[in-house]
C-alpha atoms as a PDB file:
ATOM      1  CA  MET A   1     -24.427  20.093  -0.823  1.00  0.00           C
ATOM      2  CA  ASN A   2     -21.556  22.207  -1.106  1.00  0.00           C
ATOM      3  CA  TYR A   3     -18.601  21.501   1.132  1.00  0.00           C
ATOM      4  CA  SER A   4     -15.917  23.653  -0.267  1.00  0.00           C
ATOM      5  CA  GLN A   5     -15.700  25.750   3.071  1.00  0.00           C
ATOM      6  CA  TYR A   6     -14.244  22.941   4.907  1.00  0.00           C
ATOM      7  CA  GLU A   7     -11.496  22.225   2.252  1.00  0.00           C
ATOM      8  CA  GLY A   8     -10.405  25.694   2.701  1.00  0.00           C
ATOM      9  CA  GLU A   9     -10.808  25.299   6.697  1.00  0.00           C
ATOM     10  CA  ILE A  10      -8.251  22.307   6.458  1.00  0.00           C
ATOM     11  CA  TYR A  11      -5.795  23.988   4.246  1.00  0.00           C
ATOM     12  CA  ALA A  12      -5.820  27.167   6.177  1.00  0.00           C
ATOM     13  CA  LYS A  13      -5.077  25.308   9.456  1.00  0.00           C
ATOM     14  CA  LEU A  14      -2.132  23.044   7.535  1.00  0.00           C
ATOM     15  CA  LYS A  15      -0.332  25.808   5.468  1.00  0.00           C
ATOM     16  CA  PRO A  16       1.237  27.514   8.344  1.00  0.00           C
ATOM     17  CA  LEU A  17       2.757  24.134   9.510  1.00  0.00           C
ATOM     18  CA  GLY A  18       4.687  23.599   6.148  1.00  0.00           C
ATOM     19  CA  ASP A  19       7.965  23.584   5.135  1.00  0.00           C
ATOM     20  CA  PRO A  20       8.111  25.580   1.680  1.00  0.00           C
ATOM     21  CA  SER A  21      11.571  25.240   1.012  1.00  0.00           C
ATOM     22  CA  ARG A  22      11.218  21.580   0.734  1.00  0.00           C
ATOM     23  CA  SER A  23       7.952  21.383  -1.153  1.00  0.00           C
ATOM     24  CA  ALA A  24       9.739  20.925  -4.601  1.00  0.00           C
ATOM     25  CA  PHE A  25      12.013  18.213  -3.249  1.00  0.00           C
ATOM     26  CA  THR A  26       8.842  16.148  -1.509  1.00  0.00           C
ATOM     27  CA  LYS A  27       6.994  16.508  -4.828  1.00  0.00           C
ATOM     28  CA  ASN A  28       9.654  14.893  -6.784  1.00  0.00           C
ATOM     29  CA  TYR A  29      10.539  12.349  -4.388  1.00  0.00           C
ATOM     30  CA  MET A  30       6.745  11.278  -4.091  1.00  0.00           C
ATOM     31  CA  LYS A  31       6.325  11.305  -8.045  1.00  0.00           C
ATOM     32  CA  SER A  32       3.133  13.180  -7.474  1.00  0.00           C
ATOM     33  CA  GLN A  33       0.994  15.797  -9.331  1.00  0.00           C
ATOM     34  CA  LEU A  34      -0.105  17.213  -6.163  1.00  0.00           C
ATOM     35  CA  GLU A  35       0.769  20.363  -4.106  1.00  0.00           C
ATOM     36  CA  PHE A  36       2.906  19.531  -1.086  1.00  0.00           C
ATOM     37  CA  LEU A  37       3.216  21.765   2.016  1.00  0.00           C
ATOM     38  CA  THR A  38       5.632  19.303   3.535  1.00  0.00           C
ATOM     39  CA  ILE A  39       4.400  18.788   6.882  1.00  0.00           C
ATOM     40  CA  LYS A  40       5.833  15.812   9.176  1.00  0.00           C
ATOM     41  CA  VAL A  41       3.290  12.984   9.751  1.00  0.00           C
ATOM     42  CA  PRO A  42       3.020  13.286  13.268  1.00  0.00           C
ATOM     43  CA  VAL A  43       2.015  16.970  12.996  1.00  0.00           C
ATOM     44  CA  MET A  44      -0.708  16.142  10.512  1.00  0.00           C
ATOM     45  CA  ARG A  45      -2.125  13.405  12.813  1.00  0.00           C
ATOM     46  CA  GLN A  46      -2.268  15.820  15.765  1.00  0.00           C
ATOM     47  CA  VAL A  47      -4.164  18.333  13.351  1.00  0.00           C
ATOM     48  CA  ALA A  48      -6.561  15.357  12.658  1.00  0.00           C
ATOM     49  CA  ARG A  49      -7.052  14.757  16.352  1.00  0.00           C
ATOM     50  CA  GLU A  50      -7.686  18.188  17.277  1.00  0.00           C
ATOM     51  CA  GLY A  51     -10.470  18.557  14.789  1.00  0.00           C
ATOM     52  CA  PHE A  52     -12.404  21.036  13.004  1.00  0.00           C
ATOM     53  CA  SER A  53     -15.669  22.852  12.778  1.00  0.00           C
ATOM     54  CA  PHE A  54     -17.536  19.942  11.499  1.00  0.00           C
ATOM     55  CA  TYR A  55     -16.399  17.312  13.814  1.00  0.00           C
ATOM     56  CA  ASP A  56     -19.931  17.830  15.742  1.00  0.00           C
ATOM     57  CA  ARG A  57     -22.055  16.792  12.894  1.00  0.00           C
ATOM     58  CA  SER A  58     -23.241  13.110  12.578  1.00  0.00           C
ATOM     59  CA  PRO A  59     -21.068  10.264  11.328  1.00  0.00           C
ATOM     60  CA  GLU A  60     -23.025  10.400   7.881  1.00  0.00           C
ATOM     61  CA  GLU A  61     -22.455  14.013   7.421  1.00  0.00           C
ATOM     62  CA  ILE A  62     -18.807  13.956   8.578  1.00  0.00           C
ATOM     63  CA  LEU A  63     -17.970  11.187   5.818  1.00  0.00           C
ATOM     64  CA  ALA A  64     -19.932  13.300   3.170  1.00  0.00           C
ATOM     65  CA  ILE A  65     -17.618  16.141   3.895  1.00  0.00           C
ATOM     66  CA  TRP A  66     -14.422  14.070   4.051  1.00  0.00           C
ATOM     67  CA  ASN A  67     -15.362  12.320   0.612  1.00  0.00           C
ATOM     68  CA  SER A  68     -15.949  16.090  -0.799  1.00  0.00           C
ATOM     69  CA  VAL A  69     -12.638  16.974   0.576  1.00  0.00           C
ATOM     70  CA  TRP A  70     -10.827  13.934  -0.697  1.00  0.00           C
ATOM     71  CA  PHE A  71     -12.270  14.327  -4.351  1.00  0.00           C
ATOM     72  CA  SER A  72     -11.721  18.026  -4.640  1.00  0.00           C
ATOM     73  CA  SER A  73      -8.325  18.904  -3.116  1.00  0.00           C
ATOM     74  CA  SER A  74      -5.195  19.095  -4.725  1.00  0.00           C
ATOM     75  CA  CYS A  75      -3.259  19.171  -1.740  1.00  0.00           C
ATOM     76  CA  PHE A  76      -1.439  16.192  -0.601  1.00  0.00           C
ATOM     77  CA  GLU A  77      -1.724  17.202   3.097  1.00  0.00           C
ATOM     78  CA  VAL A  78      -5.344  18.031   3.129  1.00  0.00           C
ATOM     79  CA  MET A  79      -6.017  14.685   1.492  1.00  0.00           C
ATOM     80  CA  CYS A  80      -3.834  13.055   4.460  1.00  0.00           C
ATOM     81  CA  ILE A  81      -6.324  14.532   6.958  1.00  0.00           C
ATOM     82  CA  PRO A  82      -9.527  12.281   6.279  1.00  0.00           C
ATOM     83  CA  LEU A  83      -7.098   9.255   5.941  1.00  0.00           C
ATOM     84  CA  PHE A  84      -5.670   9.764   9.471  1.00  0.00           C
ATOM     85  CA  TYR A  85      -9.238  10.577  10.889  1.00  0.00           C
ATOM     86  CA  TYR A  86     -10.583   6.958   9.713  1.00  0.00           C
ATOM     87  CA  ASP A  87      -7.242   5.068  10.112  1.00  0.00           C
ATOM     88  CA  ARG A  88      -7.231   6.464  14.163  1.00  0.00           C
ATOM     89  CA  GLN A  89     -10.665   4.405  14.346  1.00  0.00           C
ATOM     90  CA  GLY A  90      -8.967   1.160  13.640  1.00  0.00           C
ATOM     91  CA  ARG A  91     -11.069  -1.673  14.754  1.00  0.00           C
ATOM     92  CA  LYS A  92     -14.136   0.795  15.361  1.00  0.00           C
ATOM     93  CA  ILE A  93     -14.615   1.973  11.940  1.00  0.00           C
ATOM     94  CA  SER A  94     -18.062   1.604  10.955  1.00  0.00           C
ATOM     95  CA  PRO A  95     -18.769  -0.896   8.061  1.00  0.00           C
ATOM     96  CA  ALA A  96     -21.406   1.659   6.731  1.00  0.00           C
ATOM     97  CA  THR A  97     -18.066   3.609   5.511  1.00  0.00           C
ATOM     98  CA  TRP A  98     -16.858   1.001   3.058  1.00  0.00           C
ATOM     99  CA  PRO A  99     -18.985   1.944   0.004  1.00  0.00           C
ATOM    100  CA  THR A 100     -17.856   5.303   0.422  1.00  0.00           C
ATOM    101  CA  LEU A 101     -14.175   4.686   1.152  1.00  0.00           C
ATOM    102  CA  SER A 102     -13.660   2.046  -1.287  1.00  0.00           C
ATOM    103  CA  THR A 103     -14.244   4.530  -4.010  1.00  0.00           C
ATOM    104  CA  TRP A 104     -11.270   6.737  -2.694  1.00  0.00           C
ATOM    105  CA  SER A 105      -9.143   4.279  -4.701  1.00  0.00           C
ATOM    106  CA  GLU A 106      -9.643   6.201  -7.665  1.00  0.00           C
ATOM    107  CA  ARG A 107      -7.822   9.116  -6.629  1.00  0.00           C
ATOM    108  CA  ILE A 108      -4.757   7.345  -5.556  1.00  0.00           C
ATOM    109  CA  GLU A 109      -1.542   8.402  -7.210  1.00  0.00           C
ATOM    110  CA  ASN A 110       1.255   8.054  -4.663  1.00  0.00           C
ATOM    111  CA  TRP A 111       2.468   5.449  -2.236  1.00  0.00           C
ATOM    112  CA  ALA A 112       1.699   7.229   1.030  1.00  0.00           C
ATOM    113  CA  HIS A 113      -2.011   7.648   0.238  1.00  0.00           C
ATOM    114  CA  SER A 114      -2.207   4.316  -1.000  1.00  0.00           C
ATOM    115  CA  ASP A 115      -0.760   2.778   2.154  1.00  0.00           C
ATOM    116  CA  SER A 116      -3.069   4.898   4.353  1.00  0.00           C
ATOM    117  CA  LEU A 117      -5.982   3.859   2.679  1.00  0.00           C
ATOM    118  CA  ALA A 118      -4.783   0.418   2.653  1.00  0.00           C
ATOM    119  CA  SER A 119      -4.701   0.579   6.371  1.00  0.00           C
ATOM    120  CA  ILE A 120      -8.116   1.546   6.672  1.00  0.00           C
ATOM    121  CA  TYR A 121      -9.370  -1.067   4.339  1.00  0.00           C
ATOM    122  CA  SER A 122      -7.585  -3.776   6.318  1.00  0.00           C
ATOM    123  CA  TYR A 123      -9.835  -2.996   9.330  1.00  0.00           C
ATOM    124  CA  GLN A 124     -12.857  -3.118   6.916  1.00  0.00           C
ATOM    125  CA  LEU A 125     -11.562  -6.232   5.553  1.00  0.00           C
ATOM    126  CA  ALA A 126     -11.483  -7.651   8.829  1.00  0.00           C
ATOM    127  CA  GLN A 127     -15.035  -6.588   9.575  1.00  0.00           C
ATOM    128  CA  ASN A 128     -16.889  -7.692   6.519  1.00  0.00           C
ATOM    129  CA  PHE A 129     -14.505 -10.169   4.576  1.00  0.00           C
ATOM    130  CA  ASP A 130     -16.544 -11.393   1.832  1.00  0.00           C
ATOM    131  CA  GLU A 131     -17.743  -8.017   0.234  1.00  0.00           C
ATOM    132  CA  VAL A 132     -14.172  -6.227   0.744  1.00  0.00           C
ATOM    133  CA  TYR A 133     -11.912  -9.284  -0.243  1.00  0.00           C
ATOM    134  CA  LYS A 134     -13.929  -9.618  -3.431  1.00  0.00           C
ATOM    135  CA  VAL A 135     -13.308  -6.032  -4.417  1.00  0.00           C
ATOM    136  CA  LEU A 136      -9.635  -6.472  -3.499  1.00  0.00           C
ATOM    137  CA  GLN A 137      -9.569  -9.399  -5.701  1.00  0.00           C
ATOM    138  CA  THR A 138     -11.072  -7.288  -8.777  1.00  0.00           C
ATOM    139  CA  TRP A 139      -8.344  -4.649  -7.912  1.00  0.00           C
ATOM    140  CA  ASN A 140      -5.583  -7.283  -7.685  1.00  0.00           C
ATOM    141  CA  LYS A 141      -6.362  -8.187 -11.577  1.00  0.00           C
ATOM    142  CA  ALA A 142      -6.696  -4.469 -12.519  1.00  0.00           C
ATOM    143  CA  GLU A 143      -4.014  -2.860 -14.819  1.00  0.00           C
ATOM    144  CA  ASN A 144      -3.863   0.298 -12.312  1.00  0.00           C
ATOM    145  CA  GLN A 145      -0.668  -0.362 -10.477  1.00  0.00           C
ATOM    146  CA  TRP A 146      -2.141   1.529  -7.564  1.00  0.00           C
ATOM    147  CA  LEU A 147      -5.235  -0.753  -7.107  1.00  0.00           C
ATOM    148  CA  ARG A 148      -3.065  -3.474  -7.157  1.00  0.00           C
ATOM    149  CA  ARG A 149      -0.855  -2.289  -4.539  1.00  0.00           C
ATOM    150  CA  LEU A 150      -3.895  -1.567  -2.391  1.00  0.00           C
ATOM    151  CA  SER A 151      -5.127  -4.954  -3.022  1.00  0.00           C
ATOM    152  CA  MET A 152      -2.003  -6.712  -1.461  1.00  0.00           C
ATOM    153  CA  VAL A 153      -1.118  -4.004   1.310  1.00  0.00           C
ATOM    154  CA  SER A 154      -4.837  -4.264   2.628  1.00  0.00           C
ATOM    155  CA  LEU A 155      -4.317  -7.739   3.448  1.00  0.00           C
ATOM    156  CA  ILE A 156      -2.382  -6.788   6.605  1.00  0.00           C
ATOM    157  CA  HIS A 157      -3.815  -4.290   9.255  1.00  0.00           C
ATOM    158  CA  TYR A 158      -0.360  -3.766  11.298  1.00  0.00           C
ATOM    159  CA  SER A 159       2.914  -4.736  11.252  1.00  0.00           C
ATOM    160  CA  GLY A 160       4.862  -6.892  13.672  1.00  0.00           C
ATOM    161  CA  LYS A 161       4.347 -10.343  15.287  1.00  0.00           C
ATOM    162  CA  LYS A 162       0.885 -10.433  14.761  1.00  0.00           C
ATOM    163  CA  ALA A 163       0.677  -8.861  11.237  1.00  0.00           C
ATOM    164  CA  VAL A 164      -1.331 -11.176   9.287  1.00  0.00           C
ATOM    165  CA  PHE A 165      -4.803 -11.924  10.324  1.00  0.00           C
ATOM    166  CA  LEU A 166      -5.802 -13.983   6.973  1.00  0.00           C
ATOM    167  CA  PRO A 167      -4.918 -17.499   6.368  1.00  0.00           C
ATOM    168  CA  LEU A 168      -2.020 -17.545   3.616  1.00  0.00           C
ATOM    169  CA  ASP A 169      -4.508 -19.127   1.043  1.00  0.00           C
ATOM    170  CA  LYS A 170      -6.329 -15.859   0.975  1.00  0.00           C
ATOM    171  CA  VAL A 171      -2.793 -13.945   0.735  1.00  0.00           C
ATOM    172  CA  LEU A 172      -0.364 -15.619  -1.447  1.00  0.00           C
ATOM    173  CA  PRO A 173      -2.766 -15.918  -4.551  1.00  0.00           C
ATOM    174  CA  MET A 174      -3.040 -12.159  -4.437  1.00  0.00           C
ATOM    175  CA  LEU A 175       1.090 -11.928  -4.486  1.00  0.00           C
ATOM    176  CA  GLU A 176       1.280 -14.579  -7.239  1.00  0.00           C
ATOM    177  CA  ASN A 177      -0.911 -12.788  -9.856  1.00  0.00           C
ATOM    178  CA  CYS A 178       1.410  -9.621  -9.386  1.00  0.00           C
ATOM    179  CA  LEU A 179       4.923 -11.457  -9.506  1.00  0.00           C
ATOM    180  CA  ASP A 180       5.407 -10.476 -13.332  1.00  0.00           C
ATOM    181  CA  ASP A 181       4.230  -6.759 -12.667  1.00  0.00           C
ATOM    182  CA  GLU A 182       7.832  -5.224 -12.746  1.00  0.00           C
ATOM    183  CA  ARG A 183       6.492  -1.779 -11.560  1.00  0.00           C
ATOM    184  CA  PRO A 184       8.328  -1.088  -8.441  1.00  0.00           C
ATOM    185  CA  TYR A 185       5.340   0.225  -6.198  1.00  0.00           C
ATOM    186  CA  VAL A 186       3.624  -3.270  -6.932  1.00  0.00           C
ATOM    187  CA  GLN A 187       6.888  -5.099  -6.392  1.00  0.00           C
ATOM    188  CA  LYS A 188       7.529  -3.366  -2.909  1.00  0.00           C
ATOM    189  CA  ALA A 189       3.985  -4.485  -1.928  1.00  0.00           C
ATOM    190  CA  ILE A 190       4.998  -8.037  -2.640  1.00  0.00           C
ATOM    191  CA  GLY A 191       7.892  -7.885  -0.797  1.00  0.00           C
ATOM    192  CA  TRP A 192       6.280  -5.869   2.265  1.00  0.00           C
ATOM    193  CA  VAL A 193       3.470  -8.566   2.488  1.00  0.00           C
ATOM    194  CA  LEU A 194       5.771 -11.219   2.520  1.00  0.00           C
ATOM    195  CA  ARG A 195       8.210  -9.780   5.211  1.00  0.00           C
ATOM    196  CA  GLU A 196       5.377  -9.033   7.495  1.00  0.00           C
ATOM    197  CA  ALA A 197       3.637 -12.593   6.965  1.00  0.00           C
ATOM    198  CA  ASN A 198       7.138 -14.075   7.743  1.00  0.00           C
ATOM    199  CA  TYR A 199       6.563 -12.986  11.587  1.00  0.00           C
ATOM    200  CA  VAL A 200       3.646 -15.635  11.708  1.00  0.00           C
ATOM    201  CA  TYR A 201       4.346 -18.086   8.726  1.00  0.00           C
ATOM    202  CA  HIS A 202       8.284 -18.458   8.440  1.00  0.00           C
ATOM    203  CA  ALA A 203       8.068 -21.726   7.111  1.00  0.00           C
ATOM    204  CA  GLU A 204       5.338 -21.097   4.542  1.00  0.00           C
ATOM    205  CA  ILE A 205       6.921 -17.925   3.467  1.00  0.00           C
ATOM    206  CA  SER A 206      10.400 -19.312   2.948  1.00  0.00           C
ATOM    207  CA  ALA A 207       8.642 -22.076   0.972  1.00  0.00           C
ATOM    208  CA  PHE A 208       6.992 -19.418  -0.877  1.00  0.00           C
ATOM    209  CA  ILE A 209      10.144 -17.283  -1.683  1.00  0.00           C
ATOM    210  CA  GLU A 210      11.824 -20.647  -2.657  1.00  0.00           C
ATOM    211  CA  GLN A 211       9.363 -21.694  -5.317  1.00  0.00           C
ATOM    212  CA  TYR A 212       9.374 -18.250  -6.734  1.00  0.00           C
ATOM    213  CA  LEU A 213      13.019 -17.764  -6.114  1.00  0.00           C
ATOM    214  CA  ALA A 214      14.084 -16.776  -9.858  1.00  0.00           C
ATOM    215  CA  ASP A 215      10.527 -14.719 -10.353  1.00  0.00           C
ATOM    216  CA  LEU A 216      10.836 -12.684  -7.610  1.00  0.00           C
ATOM    217  CA  ARG A 217      12.204  -9.038  -8.479  1.00  0.00           C
ATOM    218  CA  GLY A 218      15.191  -7.598  -6.870  1.00  0.00           C
ATOM    219  CA  ILE A 219      12.708  -4.949  -5.003  1.00  0.00           C
ATOM    220  CA  ALA A 220      10.717  -7.877  -3.713  1.00  0.00           C
ATOM    221  CA  PHE A 221      13.183 -10.259  -2.923  1.00  0.00           C
ATOM    222  CA  SER A 222      15.132  -7.739  -0.681  1.00  0.00           C
ATOM    223  CA  ALA A 223      12.173  -6.610   1.409  1.00  0.00           C
ATOM    224  CA  ALA A 224      10.846 -10.109   1.546  1.00  0.00           C
ATOM    225  CA  THR A 225      14.043 -11.504   3.061  1.00  0.00           C
ATOM    226  CA  GLU A 226      15.097  -8.597   5.329  1.00  0.00           C
ATOM    227  CA  ARG A 227      14.240 -10.295   8.415  1.00  0.00           C
ATOM    228  CA  PHE A 228      15.629 -13.424   7.605  1.00  0.00           C
ATOM    229  CA  SER A 229      18.844 -14.712   9.267  1.00  0.00           C
ATOM    230  CA  ALA A 230      22.144 -13.699   7.558  1.00  0.00           C
ATOM    231  CA  ALA A 231      22.708 -17.576   6.782  1.00  0.00           C
ATOM    232  CA  GLU A 232      19.154 -17.927   5.396  1.00  0.00           C
ATOM    233  CA  ARG A 233      19.480 -15.044   3.264  1.00  0.00           C
ATOM    234  CA  GLY A 234      22.897 -15.725   2.352  1.00  0.00           C
ATOM    235  CA  ALA A 235      21.849 -19.014   0.796  1.00  0.00           C
ATOM    236  CA  LEU A 236      18.733 -17.665  -0.758  1.00  0.00           C
ATOM    237  CA  ILE A 237      20.982 -14.972  -2.502  1.00  0.00           C
ATOM    238  CA  GLU A 238      23.225 -17.580  -3.911  1.00  0.00           C
ATOM    239  CA  ARG A 239      20.347 -20.012  -5.222  1.00  0.00           C
ATOM    240  CA  ARG A 240      18.598 -17.043  -6.780  1.00  0.00           C
ATOM    241  CA  LYS A 241      21.610 -15.941  -8.530  1.00  0.00           C
ATOM    242  CA  ALA A 242      22.288 -19.511  -9.929  1.00  0.00           C
ATOM    243  CA  LEU A 243      18.772 -20.055 -10.969  1.00  0.00           C
ATOM    244  CA  ARG A 244      18.445 -16.451 -12.783  1.00  0.00           C
ATOM    245  CA  ALA A 245      21.402 -17.231 -14.641  1.00  0.00           C
ATOM    246  CA  ARG A 246      20.574 -20.573 -15.741  1.00  0.00           C
ATOM    247  CA  ASN A 247      17.271 -19.439 -16.829  1.00  0.00           C
ATOM    248  CA  LYS A 248      18.852 -16.622 -18.899  1.00  0.00           C
ATOM    249  CA  ILE A 249      20.979 -19.013 -20.648  1.00  0.00           C
ATOM    250  CA  LEU A 250      17.911 -21.021 -21.465  1.00  0.00           C
ATOM    251  CA  ALA A 251      15.879 -18.027 -22.861  1.00  0.00           C
ATOM    252  CA  ASN A 252      18.920 -17.042 -24.952  1.00  0.00           C
ATOM    253  CA  PRO A 253      20.632 -20.314 -25.997  1.00  0.00           C
ATOM    254  CA  LYS A 254      23.790 -19.813 -28.381  1.00  0.00           C
ATOM    255  CA  VAL A 255      24.051 -21.475 -31.452  1.00  0.00           C
ATOM    256  CA  ILE A 256      27.195 -23.233 -32.054  1.00  0.00           C
ATOM    257  CA  GLY A 257      28.149 -25.004 -35.536  1.00  0.00           C
ATOM    258  CA  GLY A 258      24.471 -24.787 -36.680  1.00  0.00           C
ATOM    259  CA  GLU A 259      23.032 -26.690 -33.512  1.00  0.00           C
ATOM    260  CA  THR A 260      21.381 -25.196 -30.444  1.00  0.00           C
ATOM    261  CA  ALA A 261      23.771 -25.563 -27.310  1.00  0.00           C
END
């Protein structure tokens, strides 16, 4: 069925709310190939709440429409609307949406869409752990940086003191597998998950950071320790510097007088 009329309806409602003077800047900042209307997130969320002509359809047909919009639109903000629609459902999201929504990962090419979709996946993970976690494990081993980011950020379904609903033996192996991936968006995901998990598991997260102190890239380390006390963070920074300096020497030994020093 052709749902292109609905994509046009969404675009027409969003376009007057944009700021064309900032579109080029936003596109460059997001490092995206999509078109940007540049609309503030609260405004887009309000548009999603207000609804469209198809909101009185069945959940199955609404999902089919959103799926068509997601895969056909070249506009960042248009693609945000179905994400906000399902994210707003939170714990009430139907598990029946997973087979369709899981395929939306294929179009991710920027961090904002990635993290909005991860929020949706996190609730689906809570509902249907075995099936969803298995997919996340597969994504965690993929080469695609956005699948890797999704595999980690989806492990947490809200920030704050109750951020982590999974036991750490389901969380930390995902992070360990990506430690040597130097891409910033992967490293930021590692740091963010550690930072949020720290609310609940401070001792365990501290031990993990100590274990991989020399391996954590700067981006991940900074985010992971953001909410540590100044004393804790300062001590970790000093030990990290010493470990990385030692490892650098071991990896590049100087040859003096024909012998390795």
